[in-house]
Amino acid sequence: MTHDVVLKCPKCGKDGLVRLESRQDVFECVYCRYKDDLNSQKGGSDSDNSTGGLGFIPFVGLLILLMLLLT
């Protein structure tokens, strides 16, 4: 016996996002064919990409500080 999980699709907004039987980590909308792979999302213990944007903020702050000091 399988348990169907139906979620709201972020693309079309309809309740049609279902889990594919062939791949348990992939959801697909039955209306617009939008696919979402849970393994490719940021976060979790497998990837450390969640802090990728935070390294950019101090760099920009340093550039702004240098520009203010040089003018």
PDB file of N, CA and C in Angstrom:
ATOM      1  N   MET A   1       0.844  -1.179   0.000  1.00  0.00           N
ATOM      2  CA  MET A   1       0.000   0.000   0.000  1.00  0.00           C
ATOM      3  C   MET A   1       0.887   1.239   0.000  1.00  0.00           C
ATOM      4  N   THR A   2       0.624   2.155  -0.917  1.00  0.00           N
ATOM      5  CA  THR A   2       1.408   3.385  -0.993  1.00  0.00           C
ATOM      6  C   THR A   2       0.609   4.532  -0.408  1.00  0.00           C
ATOM      7  N   HIS A   3       1.327   5.483   0.137  1.00  0.00           N
ATOM      8  CA  HIS A   3       0.715   6.670   0.720  1.00  0.00           C
ATOM      9  C   HIS A   3       1.052   7.840  -0.191  1.00  0.00           C
ATOM     10  N   ASP A   4       0.052   8.419  -0.843  1.00  0.00           N
ATOM     11  CA  ASP A   4       0.271   9.538  -1.755  1.00  0.00           C
ATOM     12  C   ASP A   4       0.381  10.835  -0.981  1.00  0.00           C
ATOM     13  N   VAL A   5       1.414  11.596  -1.306  1.00  0.00           N
ATOM     14  CA  VAL A   5       1.625  12.904  -0.706  1.00  0.00           C
ATOM     15  C   VAL A   5       1.385  13.941  -1.797  1.00  0.00           C
ATOM     16  N   VAL A   6       0.403  14.815  -1.595  1.00  0.00           N
ATOM     17  CA  VAL A   6       0.084  15.856  -2.569  1.00  0.00           C
ATOM     18  C   VAL A   6       0.344  17.203  -1.923  1.00  0.00           C
ATOM     19  N   LEU A   7       1.162  18.010  -2.591  1.00  0.00           N
ATOM     20  CA  LEU A   7       1.519  19.326  -2.085  1.00  0.00           C
ATOM     21  C   LEU A   7       1.145  20.388  -3.103  1.00  0.00           C
ATOM     22  N   LYS A   8       1.138  21.644  -2.672  1.00  0.00           N
ATOM     23  CA  LYS A   8       0.836  22.767  -3.564  1.00  0.00           C
ATOM     24  C   LYS A   8       2.075  23.080  -4.400  1.00  0.00           C
ATOM     25  N   CYS A   9       1.878  23.197  -5.689  1.00  0.00           N
ATOM     26  CA  CYS A   9       2.970  23.477  -6.626  1.00  0.00           C
ATOM     27  C   CYS A   9       3.379  24.944  -6.499  1.00  0.00           C
ATOM     28  N   PRO A  10       4.682  25.234  -6.353  1.00  0.00           N
ATOM     29  CA  PRO A  10       5.108  26.630  -6.264  1.00  0.00           C
ATOM     30  C   PRO A  10       5.023  27.365  -7.597  1.00  0.00           C
ATOM     31  N   LYS A  11       4.939  26.654  -8.705  1.00  0.00           N
ATOM     32  CA  LYS A  11       4.882  27.295 -10.012  1.00  0.00           C
ATOM     33  C   LYS A  11       3.456  27.671 -10.411  1.00  0.00           C
ATOM     34  N   CYS A  12       2.518  26.690 -10.366  1.00  0.00           N
ATOM     35  CA  CYS A  12       1.148  26.967 -10.823  1.00  0.00           C
ATOM     36  C   CYS A  12       0.176  27.194  -9.671  1.00  0.00           C
ATOM     37  N   GLY A  13       0.555  26.820  -8.436  1.00  0.00           N
ATOM     38  CA  GLY A  13      -0.287  27.064  -7.278  1.00  0.00           C
ATOM     39  C   GLY A  13      -1.376  26.034  -7.042  1.00  0.00           C
ATOM     40  N   LYS A  14      -1.444  24.998  -7.860  1.00  0.00           N
ATOM     41  CA  LYS A  14      -2.472  23.971  -7.691  1.00  0.00           C
ATOM     42  C   LYS A  14      -1.951  22.845  -6.807  1.00  0.00           C
ATOM     43  N   ASP A  15      -2.878  22.122  -6.194  1.00  0.00           N
ATOM     44  CA  ASP A  15      -2.505  20.970  -5.378  1.00  0.00           C
ATOM     45  C   ASP A  15      -2.233  19.782  -6.290  1.00  0.00           C
ATOM     46  N   GLY A  16      -1.038  19.750  -6.856  1.00  0.00           N
ATOM     47  CA  GLY A  16      -0.722  18.699  -7.801  1.00  0.00           C
ATOM     48  C   GLY A  16       0.708  18.219  -7.740  1.00  0.00           C
ATOM     49  N   LEU A  17       1.464  18.640  -6.735  1.00  0.00           N
ATOM     50  CA  LEU A  17       2.851  18.223  -6.605  1.00  0.00           C
ATOM     51  C   LEU A  17       2.877  16.872  -5.903  1.00  0.00           C
ATOM     52  N   VAL A  18       3.249  15.830  -6.635  1.00  0.00           N
ATOM     53  CA  VAL A  18       3.254  14.469  -6.087  1.00  0.00           C
ATOM     54  C   VAL A  18       4.655  13.883  -6.172  1.00  0.00           C
ATOM     55  N   ARG A  19       4.941  12.952  -5.283  1.00  0.00           N
ATOM     56  CA  ARG A  19       6.238  12.272  -5.252  1.00  0.00           C
ATOM     57  C   ARG A  19       6.269  11.211  -6.335  1.00  0.00           C
ATOM     58  N   LEU A  20       7.339  11.195  -7.108  1.00  0.00           N
ATOM     59  CA  LEU A  20       7.481  10.189  -8.154  1.00  0.00           C
ATOM     60  C   LEU A  20       7.828   8.843  -7.525  1.00  0.00           C
ATOM     61  N   GLU A  21       7.235   7.783  -8.040  1.00  0.00           N
ATOM     62  CA  GLU A  21       7.495   6.439  -7.494  1.00  0.00           C
ATOM     63  C   GLU A  21       8.896   5.959  -7.833  1.00  0.00           C
ATOM     64  N   SER A  22       9.409   6.346  -8.999  1.00  0.00           N
ATOM     65  CA  SER A  22      10.713   5.856  -9.424  1.00  0.00           C
ATOM     66  C   SER A  22      11.856   6.471  -8.612  1.00  0.00           C
ATOM     67  N   ARG A  23      11.688   7.724  -8.194  1.00  0.00           N
ATOM     68  CA  ARG A  23      12.714   8.399  -7.395  1.00  0.00           C
ATOM     69  C   ARG A  23      12.025   9.060  -6.207  1.00  0.00           C
ATOM     70  N   GLN A  24      12.288   8.591  -5.023  1.00  0.00           N
ATOM     71  CA  GLN A  24      11.580   9.047  -3.831  1.00  0.00           C
ATOM     72  C   GLN A  24      11.923  10.482  -3.423  1.00  0.00           C
ATOM     73  N   ASP A  25      12.978  11.060  -3.983  1.00  0.00           N
ATOM     74  CA  ASP A  25      13.367  12.413  -3.612  1.00  0.00           C
ATOM     75  C   ASP A  25      12.957  13.456  -4.646  1.00  0.00           C
ATOM     76  N   VAL A  26      12.157  13.064  -5.653  1.00  0.00           N
ATOM     77  CA  VAL A  26      11.742  13.977  -6.711  1.00  0.00           C
ATOM     78  C   VAL A  26      10.227  14.130  -6.687  1.00  0.00           C
ATOM     79  N   PHE A  27       9.771  15.385  -6.705  1.00  0.00           N
ATOM     80  CA  PHE A  27       8.349  15.697  -6.779  1.00  0.00           C
ATOM     81  C   PHE A  27       8.066  16.316  -8.137  1.00  0.00           C
ATOM     82  N   GLU A  28       6.880  16.026  -8.713  1.00  0.00           N
ATOM     83  CA  GLU A  28       6.491  16.588  -9.999  1.00  0.00           C
ATOM     84  C   GLU A  28       5.032  17.010  -9.945  1.00  0.00           C
ATOM     85  N   CYS A  29       4.726  18.174 -10.549  1.00  0.00           N
ATOM     86  CA  CYS A  29       3.357  18.667 -10.610  1.00  0.00           C
ATOM     87  C   CYS A  29       2.628  17.963 -11.750  1.00  0.00           C
ATOM     88  N   VAL A  30       1.436  17.463 -11.469  1.00  0.00           N
ATOM     89  CA  VAL A  30       0.671  16.770 -12.502  1.00  0.00           C
ATOM     90  C   VAL A  30       0.017  17.741 -13.473  1.00  0.00           C
ATOM     91  N   TYR A  31      -0.021  19.026 -13.139  1.00  0.00           N
ATOM     92  CA  TYR A  31      -0.653  20.018 -14.006  1.00  0.00           C
ATOM     93  C   TYR A  31       0.351  20.709 -14.928  1.00  0.00           C
ATOM     94  N   CYS A  32       1.441  21.234 -14.373  1.00  0.00           N
ATOM     95  CA  CYS A  32       2.384  22.012 -15.183  1.00  0.00           C
ATOM     96  C   CYS A  32       3.720  21.311 -15.402  1.00  0.00           C
ATOM     97  N   ARG A  33       3.903  20.118 -14.866  1.00  0.00           N
ATOM     98  CA  ARG A  33       5.128  19.306 -15.007  1.00  0.00           C
ATOM     99  C   ARG A  33       6.349  19.923 -14.341  1.00  0.00           C
ATOM    100  N   TYR A  34       6.144  20.811 -13.372  1.00  0.00           N
ATOM    101  CA  TYR A  34       7.242  21.365 -12.588  1.00  0.00           C
ATOM    102  C   TYR A  34       7.859  20.241 -11.764  1.00  0.00           C
ATOM    103  N   LYS A  35       9.199  20.156 -11.740  1.00  0.00           N
ATOM    104  CA  LYS A  35       9.891  19.129 -10.958  1.00  0.00           C
ATOM    105  C   LYS A  35      10.742  19.784  -9.889  1.00  0.00           C
ATOM    106  N   ASP A  36      10.815  19.131  -8.737  1.00  0.00           N
ATOM    107  CA  ASP A  36      11.622  19.612  -7.625  1.00  0.00           C
ATOM    108  C   ASP A  36      12.385  18.428  -7.051  1.00  0.00           C
ATOM    109  N   ASP A  37      13.705  18.511  -7.086  1.00  0.00           N
ATOM    110  CA  ASP A  37      14.564  17.461  -6.563  1.00  0.00           C
ATOM    111  C   ASP A  37      15.034  17.880  -5.172  1.00  0.00           C
ATOM    112  N   LEU A  38      14.670  17.123  -4.157  1.00  0.00           N
ATOM    113  CA  LEU A  38      15.013  17.483  -2.784  1.00  0.00           C
ATOM    114  C   LEU A  38      16.508  17.377  -2.517  1.00  0.00           C
ATOM    115  N   ASN A  39      17.216  16.554  -3.271  1.00  0.00           N
ATOM    116  CA  ASN A  39      18.657  16.420  -3.077  1.00  0.00           C
ATOM    117  C   ASN A  39      19.427  17.618  -3.599  1.00  0.00           C
ATOM    118  N   SER A  40      18.853  18.406  -4.498  1.00  0.00           N
ATOM    119  CA  SER A  40      19.580  19.527  -5.077  1.00  0.00           C
ATOM    120  C   SER A  40      19.378  20.826  -4.310  1.00  0.00           C
ATOM    121  N   GLN A  41      18.590  20.813  -3.255  1.00  0.00           N
ATOM    122  CA  GLN A  41      18.331  22.046  -2.517  1.00  0.00           C
ATOM    123  C   GLN A  41      19.456  22.329  -1.540  1.00  0.00           C
ATOM    124  N   LYS A  42      19.628  23.623  -1.239  1.00  0.00           N
ATOM    125  CA  LYS A  42      20.670  24.040  -0.304  1.00  0.00           C
ATOM    126  C   LYS A  42      20.322  23.618   1.103  1.00  0.00           C
ATOM    127  N   GLY A  43      21.361  23.530   1.934  1.00  0.00           N
ATOM    128  CA  GLY A  43      21.161  23.170   3.322  1.00  0.00           C
ATOM    129  C   GLY A  43      21.404  21.702   3.532  1.00  0.00           C
ATOM    130  N   GLY A  44      21.230  21.277   4.753  1.00  0.00           N
ATOM    131  CA  GLY A  44      21.440  19.878   5.061  1.00  0.00           C
ATOM    132  C   GLY A  44      22.896  19.620   5.401  1.00  0.00           C
ATOM    133  N   SER A  45      23.192  18.366   5.748  1.00  0.00           N
ATOM    134  CA  SER A  45      24.538  18.022   6.160  1.00  0.00           C
ATOM    135  C   SER A  45      25.435  17.671   4.987  1.00  0.00           C
ATOM    136  N   ASP A  46      24.873  17.430   3.797  1.00  0.00           N
ATOM    137  CA  ASP A  46      25.672  17.023   2.663  1.00  0.00           C
ATOM    138  C   ASP A  46      26.388  18.185   1.991  1.00  0.00           C
ATOM    139  N   SER A  47      25.820  19.380   2.045  1.00  0.00           N
ATOM    140  CA  SER A  47      26.434  20.507   1.354  1.00  0.00           C
ATOM    141  C   SER A  47      26.648  21.654   2.322  1.00  0.00           C
ATOM    142  N   ASP A  48      27.692  22.424   2.045  1.00  0.00           N
ATOM    143  CA  ASP A  48      28.003  23.586   2.868  1.00  0.00           C
ATOM    144  C   ASP A  48      27.813  24.849   2.043  1.00  0.00           C
ATOM    145  N   ASN A  49      26.858  24.860   1.126  1.00  0.00           N
ATOM    146  CA  ASN A  49      26.609  25.995   0.259  1.00  0.00           C
ATOM    147  C   ASN A  49      25.695  27.029   0.896  1.00  0.00           C
ATOM    148  N   SER A  50      25.193  26.789   2.084  1.00  0.00           N
ATOM    149  CA  SER A  50      24.237  27.704   2.688  1.00  0.00           C
ATOM    150  C   SER A  50      24.880  29.017   3.115  1.00  0.00           C
ATOM    151  N   THR A  51      26.215  29.057   3.276  1.00  0.00           N
ATOM    152  CA  THR A  51      26.898  30.287   3.677  1.00  0.00           C
ATOM    153  C   THR A  51      27.653  30.909   2.519  1.00  0.00           C
ATOM    154  N   GLY A  52      27.364  30.522   1.297  1.00  0.00           N
ATOM    155  CA  GLY A  52      28.086  31.037   0.139  1.00  0.00           C
ATOM    156  C   GLY A  52      27.936  32.527  -0.042  1.00  0.00           C
ATOM    157  N   GLY A  53      26.767  33.082   0.199  1.00  0.00           N
ATOM    158  CA  GLY A  53      26.539  34.502   0.025  1.00  0.00           C
ATOM    159  C   GLY A  53      27.106  35.349   1.142  1.00  0.00           C
ATOM    160  N   LEU A  54      27.369  34.773   2.296  1.00  0.00           N
ATOM    161  CA  LEU A  54      27.856  35.541   3.441  1.00  0.00           C
ATOM    162  C   LEU A  54      29.304  35.976   3.269  1.00  0.00           C
ATOM    163  N   GLY A  55      30.078  35.295   2.454  1.00  0.00           N
ATOM    164  CA  GLY A  55      31.446  35.709   2.203  1.00  0.00           C
ATOM    165  C   GLY A  55      31.515  36.951   1.335  1.00  0.00           C
ATOM    166  N   PHE A  56      30.469  37.218   0.605  1.00  0.00           N
ATOM    167  CA  PHE A  56      30.424  38.372  -0.290  1.00  0.00           C
ATOM    168  C   PHE A  56      30.146  39.664   0.471  1.00  0.00           C
ATOM    169  N   ILE A  57      29.374  39.605   1.529  1.00  0.00           N
ATOM    170  CA  ILE A  57      28.978  40.799   2.280  1.00  0.00           C
ATOM    171  C   ILE A  57      30.174  41.497   2.922  1.00  0.00           C
ATOM    172  N   PRO A  58      31.064  40.809   3.625  1.00  0.00           N
ATOM    173  CA  PRO A  58      32.233  41.516   4.183  1.00  0.00           C
ATOM    174  C   PRO A  58      33.146  42.085   3.109  1.00  0.00           C
ATOM    175  N   PHE A  59      33.233  41.416   1.977  1.00  0.00           N
ATOM    176  CA  PHE A  59      34.057  41.912   0.867  1.00  0.00           C
ATOM    177  C   PHE A  59      33.525  43.248   0.362  1.00  0.00           C
ATOM    178  N   VAL A  60      32.230  43.353   0.178  1.00  0.00           N
ATOM    179  CA  VAL A  60      31.618  44.599  -0.284  1.00  0.00           C
ATOM    180  C   VAL A  60      31.782  45.685   0.778  1.00  0.00           C
ATOM    181  N   GLY A  61      31.629  45.320   2.038  1.00  0.00           N
ATOM    182  CA  GLY A  61      31.820  46.289   3.121  1.00  0.00           C
ATOM    183  C   GLY A  61      33.240  46.825   3.153  1.00  0.00           C
ATOM    184  N   LEU A  62      34.208  45.952   2.916  1.00  0.00           N
ATOM    185  CA  LEU A  62      35.600  46.379   2.881  1.00  0.00           C
ATOM    186  C   LEU A  62      35.862  47.318   1.705  1.00  0.00           C
ATOM    187  N   LEU A  63      35.280  47.012   0.562  1.00  0.00           N
ATOM    188  CA  LEU A  63      35.438  47.896  -0.600  1.00  0.00           C
ATOM    189  C   LEU A  63      34.836  49.267  -0.347  1.00  0.00           C
ATOM    190  N   ILE A  64      33.680  49.321   0.270  1.00  0.00           N
ATOM    191  CA  ILE A  64      33.037  50.602   0.569  1.00  0.00           C
ATOM    192  C   ILE A  64      33.879  51.392   1.569  1.00  0.00           C
ATOM    193  N   LEU A  65      34.422  50.722   2.577  1.00  0.00           N
ATOM    194  CA  LEU A  65      35.265  51.384   3.568  1.00  0.00           C
ATOM    195  C   LEU A  65      36.518  51.948   2.925  1.00  0.00           C
ATOM    196  N   LEU A  66      37.150  51.191   2.030  1.00  0.00           N
ATOM    197  CA  LEU A  66      38.335  51.682   1.340  1.00  0.00           C
ATOM    198  C   LEU A  66      38.019  52.872   0.456  1.00  0.00           C
ATOM    199  N   MET A  67      36.874  52.827  -0.206  1.00  0.00           N
ATOM    200  CA  MET A  67      36.489  53.963  -1.064  1.00  0.00           C
ATOM    201  C   MET A  67      36.252  55.216  -0.232  1.00  0.00           C
ATOM    202  N   LEU A  68      35.649  55.055   0.948  1.00  0.00           N
ATOM    203  CA  LEU A  68      35.417  56.225   1.815  1.00  0.00           C
ATOM    204  C   LEU A  68      36.725  56.776   2.365  1.00  0.00           C
ATOM    205  N   LEU A  69      37.662  55.907   2.688  1.00  0.00           N
ATOM    206  CA  LEU A  69      38.945  56.375   3.219  1.00  0.00           C
ATOM    207  C   LEU A  69      39.808  57.053   2.150  1.00  0.00           C
ATOM    208  N   LEU A  70      39.661  56.609   0.898  1.00  0.00           N
ATOM    209  CA  LEU A  70      40.479  57.184  -0.163  1.00  0.00           C
ATOM    210  C   LEU A  70      39.925  58.484  -0.726  1.00  0.00           C
ATOM    211  N   THR A  71      38.702  58.822  -0.431  1.00  0.00           N
ATOM    212  CA  THR A  71      38.126  60.060  -0.962  1.00  0.00           C
ATOM    213  C   THR A  71      38.245  61.193   0.019  1.00  0.00           C
TER     214      THR A  71
END
